[in-house]
Amino acid sequence: MALAFVLISTLTAKEHVVYDSLIQVGEISELYPLFGEYDLIAKVEAKSEDEIGDVVVNKIRRLDGVADTKTLTVVSL
């Protein structure tokens, strides 16, 4: 199981639209609005890091209203 947190910046006044779209993505197990540099944070769970990459590129970044993302992949110590 792979796990990542994705910080998401939206275009002005698109926070609600992006949130409503992201809540439908099956690999996103948690989603929270933020104040500050980023507008949303999503917890993404998938079978592999490659699948996380696919979710970020094809299911998050392609959404209308998403301006930028930063992906933080969880590693084992």
C-alpha atoms as a PDB file:
ATOM      1  CA  MET A   1       0.000   0.000   0.000  1.00  0.00           C
ATOM      2  CA  ALA A   2       1.318   3.443  -0.944  1.00  0.00           C
ATOM      3  CA  LEU A   3       0.307   6.656   0.763  1.00  0.00           C
ATOM      4  CA  ALA A   4       0.750  10.314  -0.165  1.00  0.00           C
ATOM      5  CA  PHE A   5      -0.541  13.708   0.816  1.00  0.00           C
ATOM      6  CA  VAL A   6      -1.280  16.072  -2.045  1.00  0.00           C
ATOM      7  CA  LEU A   7      -1.333  19.820  -1.445  1.00  0.00           C
ATOM      8  CA  ILE A   8      -3.600  21.507  -3.982  1.00  0.00           C
ATOM      9  CA  SER A   9      -3.814  25.126  -5.105  1.00  0.00           C
ATOM     10  CA  THR A  10      -6.976  26.166  -6.914  1.00  0.00           C
ATOM     11  CA  LEU A  11      -7.825  29.055  -9.166  1.00  0.00           C
ATOM     12  CA  THR A  12      -9.563  31.972  -7.456  1.00  0.00           C
ATOM     13  CA  ALA A  13     -13.087  31.073  -6.269  1.00  0.00           C
ATOM     14  CA  LYS A  14     -12.800  27.442  -7.498  1.00  0.00           C
ATOM     15  CA  GLU A  15     -12.201  25.849  -4.087  1.00  0.00           C
ATOM     16  CA  HIS A  16     -15.735  24.454  -3.740  1.00  0.00           C
ATOM     17  CA  VAL A  17     -15.888  23.104  -7.294  1.00  0.00           C
ATOM     18  CA  VAL A  18     -12.534  21.351  -6.943  1.00  0.00           C
ATOM     19  CA  TYR A  19     -13.451  19.994  -3.501  1.00  0.00           C
ATOM     20  CA  ASP A  20     -16.739  18.573  -4.812  1.00  0.00           C
ATOM     21  CA  SER A  21     -14.899  16.867  -7.687  1.00  0.00           C
ATOM     22  CA  LEU A  22     -12.090  15.466  -5.544  1.00  0.00           C
ATOM     23  CA  ILE A  23     -14.439  13.969  -2.963  1.00  0.00           C
ATOM     24  CA  GLN A  24     -15.610  11.614  -5.747  1.00  0.00           C
ATOM     25  CA  VAL A  25     -12.095  10.204  -6.409  1.00  0.00           C
ATOM     26  CA  GLY A  26     -11.970   6.738  -4.867  1.00  0.00           C
ATOM     27  CA  GLU A  27      -8.268   6.827  -3.979  1.00  0.00           C
ATOM     28  CA  ILE A  28      -8.727   9.981  -1.889  1.00  0.00           C
ATOM     29  CA  SER A  29      -9.507   8.766   1.625  1.00  0.00           C
ATOM     30  CA  GLU A  30      -9.479  12.195   3.295  1.00  0.00           C
ATOM     31  CA  LEU A  31      -9.830  15.739   1.980  1.00  0.00           C
ATOM     32  CA  TYR A  32      -9.556  18.997   3.918  1.00  0.00           C
ATOM     33  CA  PRO A  33      -9.739  22.692   3.026  1.00  0.00           C
ATOM     34  CA  LEU A  34      -6.800  24.829   4.178  1.00  0.00           C
ATOM     35  CA  PHE A  35      -5.902  28.462   4.722  1.00  0.00           C
ATOM     36  CA  GLY A  36      -2.514  29.577   3.450  1.00  0.00           C
ATOM     37  CA  GLU A  37      -0.370  28.778   0.435  1.00  0.00           C
ATOM     38  CA  TYR A  38      -2.496  25.746  -0.527  1.00  0.00           C
ATOM     39  CA  ASP A  39      -6.283  25.487  -0.617  1.00  0.00           C
ATOM     40  CA  LEU A  40      -6.808  21.741  -0.079  1.00  0.00           C
ATOM     41  CA  ILE A  41      -4.936  18.695   1.198  1.00  0.00           C
ATOM     42  CA  ALA A  42      -5.852  15.199   0.026  1.00  0.00           C
ATOM     43  CA  LYS A  43      -4.760  11.900   1.547  1.00  0.00           C
ATOM     44  CA  VAL A  44      -4.270   9.489  -1.355  1.00  0.00           C
ATOM     45  CA  GLU A  45      -4.068   5.726  -0.832  1.00  0.00           C
ATOM     46  CA  ALA A  46      -3.182   3.363  -3.679  1.00  0.00           C
ATOM     47  CA  LYS A  47      -1.559   0.008  -4.398  1.00  0.00           C
ATOM     48  CA  SER A  48       1.743   1.531  -5.532  1.00  0.00           C
ATOM     49  CA  GLU A  49       3.633   4.787  -5.949  1.00  0.00           C
ATOM     50  CA  ASP A  50       3.026   4.505  -9.705  1.00  0.00           C
ATOM     51  CA  GLU A  51      -0.714   4.419  -9.056  1.00  0.00           C
ATOM     52  CA  ILE A  52      -0.417   7.489  -6.818  1.00  0.00           C
ATOM     53  CA  GLY A  53       1.327   9.252  -9.697  1.00  0.00           C
ATOM     54  CA  ASP A  54      -1.512   8.272 -12.004  1.00  0.00           C
ATOM     55  CA  VAL A  55      -4.103   9.631  -9.562  1.00  0.00           C
ATOM     56  CA  VAL A  56      -2.250  12.932  -9.217  1.00  0.00           C
ATOM     57  CA  VAL A  57      -1.660  13.424 -12.945  1.00  0.00           C
ATOM     58  CA  ASN A  58      -4.919  12.052 -14.342  1.00  0.00           C
ATOM     59  CA  LYS A  59      -7.507  12.576 -11.608  1.00  0.00           C
ATOM     60  CA  ILE A  60      -6.353  15.645  -9.679  1.00  0.00           C
ATOM     61  CA  ARG A  61      -4.241  17.896 -11.909  1.00  0.00           C
ATOM     62  CA  ARG A  62      -6.636  17.597 -14.859  1.00  0.00           C
ATOM     63  CA  LEU A  63      -9.603  18.964 -12.914  1.00  0.00           C
ATOM     64  CA  ASP A  64     -10.918  22.333 -14.001  1.00  0.00           C
ATOM     65  CA  GLY A  65      -9.895  24.812 -11.327  1.00  0.00           C
ATOM     66  CA  VAL A  66      -6.712  23.086 -10.139  1.00  0.00           C
ATOM     67  CA  ALA A  67      -3.767  25.466 -10.518  1.00  0.00           C
ATOM     68  CA  ASP A  68      -0.931  23.469  -8.916  1.00  0.00           C
ATOM     69  CA  THR A  69      -0.142  20.474  -6.730  1.00  0.00           C
ATOM     70  CA  LYS A  70       2.664  19.298  -4.485  1.00  0.00           C
ATOM     71  CA  THR A  71       2.819  15.588  -3.670  1.00  0.00           C
ATOM     72  CA  LEU A  72       4.373  14.340  -0.449  1.00  0.00           C
ATOM     73  CA  THR A  73       4.923  10.577  -0.603  1.00  0.00           C
ATOM     74  CA  VAL A  74       5.055   8.709   2.697  1.00  0.00           C
ATOM     75  CA  VAL A  75       8.088   6.420   3.136  1.00  0.00           C
ATOM     76  CA  SER A  76       9.008   3.746   5.664  1.00  0.00           C
ATOM     77  CA  LEU A  77      11.869   4.421   8.074  1.00  0.00           C
END
